[in-house]
Amino acid sequence: MDSIFSKKQLYLMECQKREYNQIPKRRNSARERMLTFNNMHLTAGMTFTPTHHFPILEPYTGSVDFEVYAYSRRKGLSGENQALHFFAYDCMFDNAVWRNLESTTYNVRNFDYLFTPDYSLYVDEQLTHQNIEFTYRTRFAGAYWQQCGFNVIPTASWGNANSFSYSLEGLPKGSVLAVCGTGNKRCASSFELWKYAIRRIEAELLPIVILVYGEPVEVSGIHTPLKFIPDHISKTFRKWK
């Protein structure tokens, strides 16, 4: 029998019942501390990919007519019909969305939408292991937020062309997806890779719309609608078109 409460309501009631909004500072054993540090105690209900064992995200197919704000600028916002994004330097959100995932989740409970963290993936082949770790982290945070009842917008990231062997793994098909579009015109090769990524995402994941954080650009040969989200630099220092 289905609950009369939503998943998010159940999550909030559980937090209130336990009277905590962050991970306890002390654990009774080394194993408990290890599980908490690596968030392994939060895997209940998640499913994982067979190749790299990334958490699998469910598709989001709802409205995209919401306001978008950076996680770092969340204070003072109501959260109603508002989404938090993580298109920023990793150091500005990694501690929050990985090492303190539970407390961060509780602290953003008023927001209706959350983008999955947009970790930087490197083009150097020597850093493939780091890219895989960061891909795991963004999928994990998104899967946990979905378990808690949030509307989660999956975010796609990539490194070089070879990174597509894992960088789209765990993302849902037939979903709204988001990508970062800032800095993609630093050089011709960078822009070509970015456009290749959009085409690859369309071909493999069949998204219903792609939200692009950055200035509008043309991508020929795709049929998926692109919706551009004004980035901080464009809004603050340039005239957004």
Protein backbone atom coordinates (compact mmCIF):
# COMPACT_ATOMS: atom_id res chain seq x y z
CA MET A 1 0.00 0.00 0.00
CA ASP A 2 1.37 3.40 -0.95
CA SER A 3 2.05 5.94 1.77
CA ILE A 4 -0.16 9.02 2.01
CA PHE A 5 3.06 10.99 2.45
CA SER A 6 5.55 11.84 -0.27
CA LYS A 7 9.13 10.56 -0.10
CA LYS A 8 10.32 14.03 0.87
CA GLN A 9 7.74 14.31 3.66
CA LEU A 10 8.84 10.93 5.01
CA TYR A 11 12.46 12.04 4.87
CA LEU A 12 11.72 15.22 6.82
CA MET A 13 9.64 13.37 9.42
CA GLU A 14 12.47 10.89 9.90
CA CYS A 15 14.94 13.72 10.46
CA GLN A 16 12.63 15.34 13.01
CA LYS A 17 12.04 12.05 14.80
CA ARG A 18 15.75 11.41 15.13
CA GLU A 19 16.35 15.06 16.05
CA TYR A 20 19.47 15.45 13.98
CA ASN A 21 20.43 17.45 10.95
CA GLN A 22 23.98 16.27 10.56
CA ILE A 23 26.10 13.16 10.94
CA PRO A 24 27.10 12.63 14.57
CA LYS A 25 30.61 13.83 15.22
CA ARG A 26 31.70 10.64 16.95
CA ARG A 27 31.33 6.99 16.07
CA ASN A 28 31.79 4.02 18.36
CA SER A 29 34.06 1.97 16.13
CA ALA A 30 36.58 2.33 13.35
CA ARG A 31 34.19 0.52 10.98
CA GLU A 32 31.35 2.92 11.74
CA ARG A 33 33.64 5.86 11.09
CA MET A 34 34.79 4.34 7.78
CA LEU A 35 31.24 3.67 6.56
CA THR A 36 30.14 7.16 7.49
CA PHE A 37 33.17 8.80 5.88
CA ASN A 38 32.54 7.03 2.57
CA ASN A 39 28.72 7.43 2.79
CA MET A 40 28.31 3.66 2.50
CA HIS A 41 25.55 3.79 5.14
CA LEU A 42 23.38 5.75 2.66
CA THR A 43 23.27 3.16 -0.14
CA ALA A 44 19.93 1.61 0.90
CA GLY A 45 17.53 1.62 -2.04
CA MET A 46 20.15 2.50 -4.65
CA THR A 47 20.86 0.41 -7.71
CA PHE A 48 24.28 0.35 -9.38
CA THR A 49 25.68 -0.03 -12.89
CA PRO A 50 27.44 -3.35 -13.63
CA THR A 51 30.61 -1.83 -15.10
CA HIS A 52 31.86 0.88 -12.73
CA HIS A 53 29.22 0.42 -10.02
CA PHE A 54 27.89 3.96 -10.23
CA PRO A 55 24.51 4.63 -8.61
CA ILE A 56 21.78 4.73 -11.26
CA LEU A 57 19.67 7.88 -11.40
CA GLU A 58 15.96 7.94 -12.13
CA PRO A 59 14.77 10.24 -14.94
CA TYR A 60 13.34 13.66 -14.21
CA THR A 61 10.54 14.54 -16.65
CA GLY A 62 8.82 17.46 -14.93
CA SER A 63 8.78 21.20 -15.50
CA VAL A 64 11.94 23.19 -16.25
CA ASP A 65 10.25 26.54 -15.60
CA PHE A 66 12.04 27.16 -12.32
CA GLU A 67 14.54 29.72 -11.10
CA VAL A 68 18.14 28.55 -10.90
CA TYR A 69 20.65 29.63 -8.26
CA ALA A 70 24.17 28.60 -7.34
CA TYR A 71 24.53 26.53 -4.18
CA SER A 72 26.90 29.19 -2.82
CA ARG A 73 24.13 31.83 -3.14
CA ARG A 74 21.34 29.84 -1.50
CA LYS A 75 21.03 31.82 1.73
CA GLY A 76 17.92 33.92 2.01
CA LEU A 77 16.07 32.08 -0.76
CA SER A 78 12.68 30.54 -0.18
CA GLY A 79 13.39 27.46 -2.28
CA GLU A 80 9.89 27.50 -3.76
CA ASN A 81 10.07 26.73 -7.49
CA GLN A 82 13.84 27.24 -7.18
CA ALA A 83 16.71 24.93 -8.13
CA LEU A 84 20.24 24.81 -6.77
CA HIS A 85 23.09 24.11 -9.18
CA PHE A 86 26.75 23.22 -8.59
CA PHE A 87 28.38 24.64 -11.71
CA ALA A 88 31.37 25.97 -9.79
CA TYR A 89 34.87 25.03 -8.72
CA ASP A 90 34.82 21.64 -6.99
CA CYS A 91 36.32 23.08 -3.82
CA MET A 92 33.20 25.21 -3.36
CA PHE A 93 30.88 22.22 -2.92
CA ASP A 94 32.81 18.94 -2.48
CA ASN A 95 32.91 19.16 1.31
CA ALA A 96 29.17 19.82 1.39
CA VAL A 97 27.94 17.21 -1.07
CA TRP A 98 30.33 14.39 -0.21
CA ARG A 99 31.81 14.69 3.27
CA ASN A 100 28.70 16.26 4.77
CA LEU A 101 26.01 14.95 2.44
CA GLU A 102 23.42 14.28 5.13
CA SER A 103 23.61 17.65 6.80
CA THR A 104 23.69 19.46 3.44
CA THR A 105 20.61 17.54 2.31
CA TYR A 106 18.72 18.59 5.42
CA ASN A 107 19.87 22.19 5.10
CA VAL A 108 18.56 22.53 1.52
CA ARG A 109 15.27 20.82 2.31
CA ASN A 110 13.24 23.90 1.33
CA PHE A 111 14.38 23.78 -2.31
CA ASP A 112 12.10 22.13 -4.82
CA TYR A 113 14.88 21.11 -7.24
CA LEU A 114 18.53 20.09 -7.02
CA PHE A 115 21.03 19.65 -9.85
CA THR A 116 23.53 16.87 -9.28
CA PRO A 117 27.05 18.15 -8.44
CA ASP A 118 29.07 19.10 -11.51
CA TYR A 119 32.54 17.76 -10.70
CA SER A 120 35.37 18.68 -13.04
CA LEU A 121 36.57 15.80 -15.22
CA TYR A 122 40.10 16.06 -16.59
CA VAL A 123 41.32 15.46 -20.14
CA ASP A 124 44.58 13.83 -18.98
CA GLU A 125 44.45 10.04 -19.29
CA GLN A 126 46.62 9.76 -16.16
CA LEU A 127 43.68 11.18 -14.15
CA THR A 128 41.07 8.69 -15.36
CA HIS A 129 40.87 7.16 -11.88
CA GLN A 130 40.05 10.60 -10.46
CA ASN A 131 37.41 11.17 -13.12
CA ILE A 132 35.75 7.85 -12.25
CA GLU A 133 35.75 8.75 -8.56
CA PHE A 134 34.17 12.15 -9.26
CA THR A 135 31.55 10.56 -11.53
CA TYR A 136 30.69 8.16 -8.72
CA ARG A 137 30.30 11.05 -6.28
CA THR A 138 27.92 13.05 -8.45
CA ARG A 139 25.76 9.99 -9.14
CA PHE A 140 25.77 9.09 -5.45
CA ALA A 141 24.61 12.53 -4.30
CA GLY A 142 21.87 12.57 -6.93
CA ALA A 143 20.67 9.06 -6.07
CA TYR A 144 20.59 9.89 -2.35
CA TRP A 145 18.60 13.06 -3.01
CA GLN A 146 16.14 11.08 -5.09
CA GLN A 147 15.79 8.60 -2.22
CA CYS A 148 14.96 11.58 0.01
CA GLY A 149 12.23 12.76 -2.36
CA PHE A 150 13.86 15.73 -4.10
CA ASN A 151 13.34 16.58 -7.76
CA VAL A 152 16.82 15.90 -9.11
CA ILE A 153 18.16 17.20 -12.43
CA PRO A 154 20.93 14.81 -13.58
CA THR A 155 24.07 16.57 -14.79
CA ALA A 156 26.41 15.18 -17.46
CA SER A 157 30.16 15.86 -17.40
CA TRP A 158 33.07 14.51 -19.39
CA GLY A 159 36.84 14.77 -19.83
CA ASN A 160 38.39 13.83 -23.18
CA ALA A 161 36.73 11.81 -25.93
CA ASN A 162 37.76 8.53 -24.26
CA SER A 163 35.92 9.48 -21.06
CA PHE A 164 32.58 8.63 -22.67
CA SER A 165 33.30 4.99 -21.87
CA TYR A 166 32.19 5.85 -18.32
CA SER A 167 31.12 9.51 -18.04
CA LEU A 168 27.48 8.92 -19.07
CA GLU A 169 27.13 5.70 -17.09
CA GLY A 170 24.34 5.80 -14.53
CA LEU A 171 22.51 8.70 -16.19
CA PRO A 172 18.85 8.04 -17.07
CA LYS A 173 17.34 7.85 -20.53
CA GLY A 174 14.37 10.02 -21.50
CA SER A 175 15.10 12.62 -18.84
CA VAL A 176 15.78 16.30 -18.51
CA LEU A 177 19.58 16.58 -18.35
CA ALA A 178 21.93 19.47 -17.60
CA VAL A 179 25.43 20.32 -18.80
CA CYS A 180 27.90 23.11 -18.17
CA GLY A 181 28.39 25.43 -21.14
CA THR A 182 30.89 27.90 -19.70
CA GLY A 183 34.43 27.96 -21.06
CA ASN A 184 33.57 25.78 -24.03
CA LYS A 185 34.93 28.34 -26.52
CA ARG A 186 38.44 28.66 -25.10
CA CYS A 187 39.74 27.03 -28.26
CA ALA A 188 38.32 25.39 -31.36
CA SER A 189 39.09 21.85 -30.19
CA SER A 190 37.39 22.46 -26.86
CA PHE A 191 34.23 23.69 -28.56
CA GLU A 192 34.23 20.75 -30.98
CA LEU A 193 34.51 18.33 -28.06
CA TRP A 194 31.65 20.09 -26.29
CA LYS A 195 29.40 19.81 -29.34
CA TYR A 196 30.43 16.18 -29.79
CA ALA A 197 29.40 15.56 -26.18
CA ILE A 198 25.95 17.07 -26.76
CA ARG A 199 25.44 14.85 -29.79
CA ARG A 200 26.68 11.81 -27.85
CA ILE A 201 24.31 12.59 -24.98
CA GLU A 202 21.40 12.87 -27.39
CA ALA A 203 22.25 9.60 -29.16
CA GLU A 204 22.81 7.53 -26.00
CA LEU A 205 20.36 9.02 -23.49
CA LEU A 206 17.55 10.46 -25.62
CA PRO A 207 16.94 13.43 -23.30
CA ILE A 208 13.68 15.37 -23.55
CA VAL A 209 15.51 18.67 -23.00
CA ILE A 210 19.10 19.67 -22.20
CA LEU A 211 19.62 22.55 -19.78
CA VAL A 212 22.85 24.37 -20.60
CA TYR A 213 24.45 26.57 -17.95
CA GLY A 214 26.08 29.21 -20.12
CA GLU A 215 25.65 31.50 -23.08
CA PRO A 216 23.55 30.33 -26.06
CA VAL A 217 25.44 28.54 -28.82
CA GLU A 218 24.42 26.70 -31.96
CA VAL A 219 24.81 22.93 -32.12
CA SER A 220 23.99 21.59 -35.55
CA GLY A 221 22.56 18.15 -36.16
CA ILE A 222 20.65 17.67 -32.90
CA HIS A 223 16.91 17.52 -32.32
CA THR A 224 16.79 17.81 -28.53
CA PRO A 225 15.68 21.25 -27.30
CA LEU A 226 18.41 23.23 -25.56
CA LYS A 227 17.41 25.62 -22.78
CA PHE A 228 20.16 28.02 -21.73
CA ILE A 229 20.54 29.14 -18.13
CA PRO A 230 22.27 32.50 -17.55
CA ASP A 231 25.63 31.89 -15.88
CA HIS A 232 27.05 34.23 -13.23
CA ILE A 233 29.64 35.89 -15.50
CA SER A 234 27.16 36.54 -18.28
CA LYS A 235 24.54 37.95 -15.92
CA THR A 236 26.98 40.09 -13.96
CA PHE A 237 29.53 41.33 -16.49
CA ARG A 238 27.94 40.82 -19.89
CA LYS A 239 24.63 41.61 -21.50
CA TRP A 240 22.67 38.35 -21.51
CA LYS A 241 20.94 37.88 -24.82
